[in-house]
Protein backbone atom coordinates (compact mmCIF):
# COMPACT_ATOMS: atom_id res chain seq x y z
CA MET A 1 0.01 0.04 -0.02
CA PRO A 2 1.58 3.32 -1.06
CA LEU A 3 2.10 6.23 1.30
CA LYS A 4 0.07 9.31 0.21
CA PHE A 5 1.06 12.79 1.35
CA THR A 6 -0.12 16.19 0.19
CA LEU A 7 2.01 19.26 -0.13
CA ARG A 8 0.63 22.80 0.24
CA PRO A 9 1.56 25.39 -2.36
CA GLY A 10 5.23 26.24 -2.06
CA GLU A 11 5.89 23.44 0.34
CA LYS A 12 8.90 21.20 0.01
CA VAL A 13 9.70 17.57 0.94
CA ILE A 14 12.99 15.68 1.13
CA VAL A 15 12.85 12.20 -0.29
CA ASN A 16 15.97 10.10 -0.01
CA GLY A 17 18.04 13.27 0.21
CA ALA A 18 16.42 15.03 -2.83
CA VAL A 19 14.46 18.15 -2.20
CA ILE A 20 11.18 18.26 -4.12
CA GLY A 21 9.11 21.45 -4.23
CA ARG A 22 5.45 22.04 -4.92
CA GLY A 23 4.32 24.79 -7.25
CA GLU A 24 1.39 27.18 -6.77
CA GLU A 25 -1.26 24.47 -6.55
CA PRO A 26 -1.54 21.85 -3.74
CA GLY A 27 -0.85 18.28 -4.83
CA SER A 28 -0.82 14.76 -3.65
CA PHE A 29 2.10 12.37 -4.05
CA TYR A 30 2.49 8.68 -3.57
CA LEU A 31 5.56 6.77 -2.42
CA PHE A 32 5.30 3.25 -3.74
CA ASN A 33 8.46 1.90 -2.12
CA LYS A 34 10.40 2.45 1.07
CA ALA A 35 11.88 5.94 1.17
CA ASN A 36 13.24 8.36 3.80
CA PHE A 37 11.19 11.55 3.64
CA LEU A 38 10.45 14.66 5.68
CA ARG A 39 8.06 17.54 4.75
CA GLY A 40 9.61 20.96 4.89
CA ARG A 41 7.79 21.83 8.10
CA GLU A 42 9.39 18.80 9.77
CA VAL A 43 12.95 19.71 8.74
CA MET A 44 15.07 21.45 11.32
CA LYS A 45 17.93 23.71 10.28
CA ASP A 46 21.21 23.95 12.24
CA GLU A 47 20.41 27.41 13.56
CA GLN A 48 16.99 26.24 14.95
CA ALA A 49 18.68 23.67 17.19
CA ASP A 50 18.99 26.01 20.18
CA THR A 51 18.22 23.53 22.94
CA LEU A 52 19.57 20.00 23.80
CA VAL A 53 16.28 18.41 22.74
CA LYS A 54 16.30 20.20 19.42
CA LYS A 55 19.94 19.11 18.90
CA LEU A 56 18.82 15.55 19.50
CA TYR A 57 16.10 16.02 16.87
CA LEU A 58 18.63 17.52 14.44
CA ILE A 59 21.11 14.61 14.80
CA ILE A 60 18.34 12.06 14.36
CA GLN A 61 17.26 13.92 11.26
CA LEU A 62 20.77 13.72 9.84
CA ILE A 63 20.93 9.97 10.59
CA TYR A 64 17.59 9.47 8.83
CA LEU A 65 18.19 11.63 5.73
CA PHE A 66 21.89 10.84 5.20
CA PRO A 67 22.42 7.12 6.05
CA GLU A 68 25.93 7.21 4.49
CA ASN A 69 27.01 9.38 7.50
CA ALA A 70 25.04 7.39 10.10
CA PRO A 71 27.97 5.74 11.90
CA GLU A 72 29.53 9.06 12.91
CA ASN A 73 26.21 10.72 13.61
CA LEU A 74 25.14 7.76 15.82
CA VAL A 75 28.10 8.46 18.01
CA LYS A 76 26.99 12.11 18.24
CA PHE A 77 23.45 10.94 19.01
CA GLU A 78 24.65 8.89 21.99
CA THR A 79 26.49 11.96 23.38
CA ILE A 80 23.59 14.30 22.93
CA LEU A 81 21.20 11.80 24.31
CA ALA A 82 23.27 11.21 27.49
CA GLU A 83 23.56 14.92 28.02
CA ASN A 84 19.75 15.25 27.59
CA MET A 85 19.13 12.47 30.09
CA ARG A 86 21.51 14.12 32.55
CA VAL A 87 20.00 17.63 32.27
CA ASN A 88 16.32 16.53 31.91
CA PRO A 89 15.88 13.65 34.27
CA ASP A 90 12.11 14.13 34.27
CA SER A 91 12.09 13.14 30.51
CA LEU A 92 14.11 9.91 31.07
CA GLU A 93 11.24 7.63 30.07
CA LYS A 94 10.59 9.51 26.85
CA MET A 95 14.29 9.75 26.03
CA THR A 96 14.62 6.04 26.59
CA GLU A 97 11.86 5.52 24.05
CA VAL A 98 13.58 7.76 21.59
CA ALA A 99 16.81 5.79 22.02
CA ARG A 100 14.95 2.55 21.50
CA LEU A 101 13.42 3.77 18.27
CA VAL A 102 16.83 5.00 16.98
CA HIS A 103 18.54 1.70 17.85
CA GLN A 104 15.76 -0.14 15.98
CA GLY A 105 16.37 2.13 12.93
CA ASP A 106 12.86 3.67 13.21
CA TYR A 107 14.17 7.19 12.69
CA TYR A 108 10.92 8.77 11.56
CA ARG A 109 9.08 7.73 14.65
CA ALA A 110 12.08 8.82 16.77
CA LEU A 111 11.83 12.25 15.23
CA LYS A 112 8.08 12.36 16.04
CA ALA A 113 8.76 11.26 19.64
CA THR A 114 11.51 13.83 20.04
CA ALA A 115 9.43 16.73 18.63
CA LYS A 116 6.87 16.04 21.40
CA LEU A 117 9.55 17.07 23.91
CA PHE A 118 9.86 20.67 22.65
């Protein structure tokens, strides 16, 4: 079953590292095979990562969108995760869930879980 998503006018999506933009009219797209994708509104830029939780989101995003750099970014993920757990002990359960998702390779769900923390 394909994944259907709709882009608003002017909205962008990243699919397997390629940026695809929508024109003036809204439109629906279908992904018929497994692909890594994020809509423009889900993409975090470096300058937006101004908290530890947002830095965690950013590094998961990089792992997800650029699997060729995953080994080095997974090391960074572990460092940022440990710092988050130390500074935010009240979020320990949610951080543990994010870590579980990342270790299972379920990066999109890890991003969604992390976004709920900010």
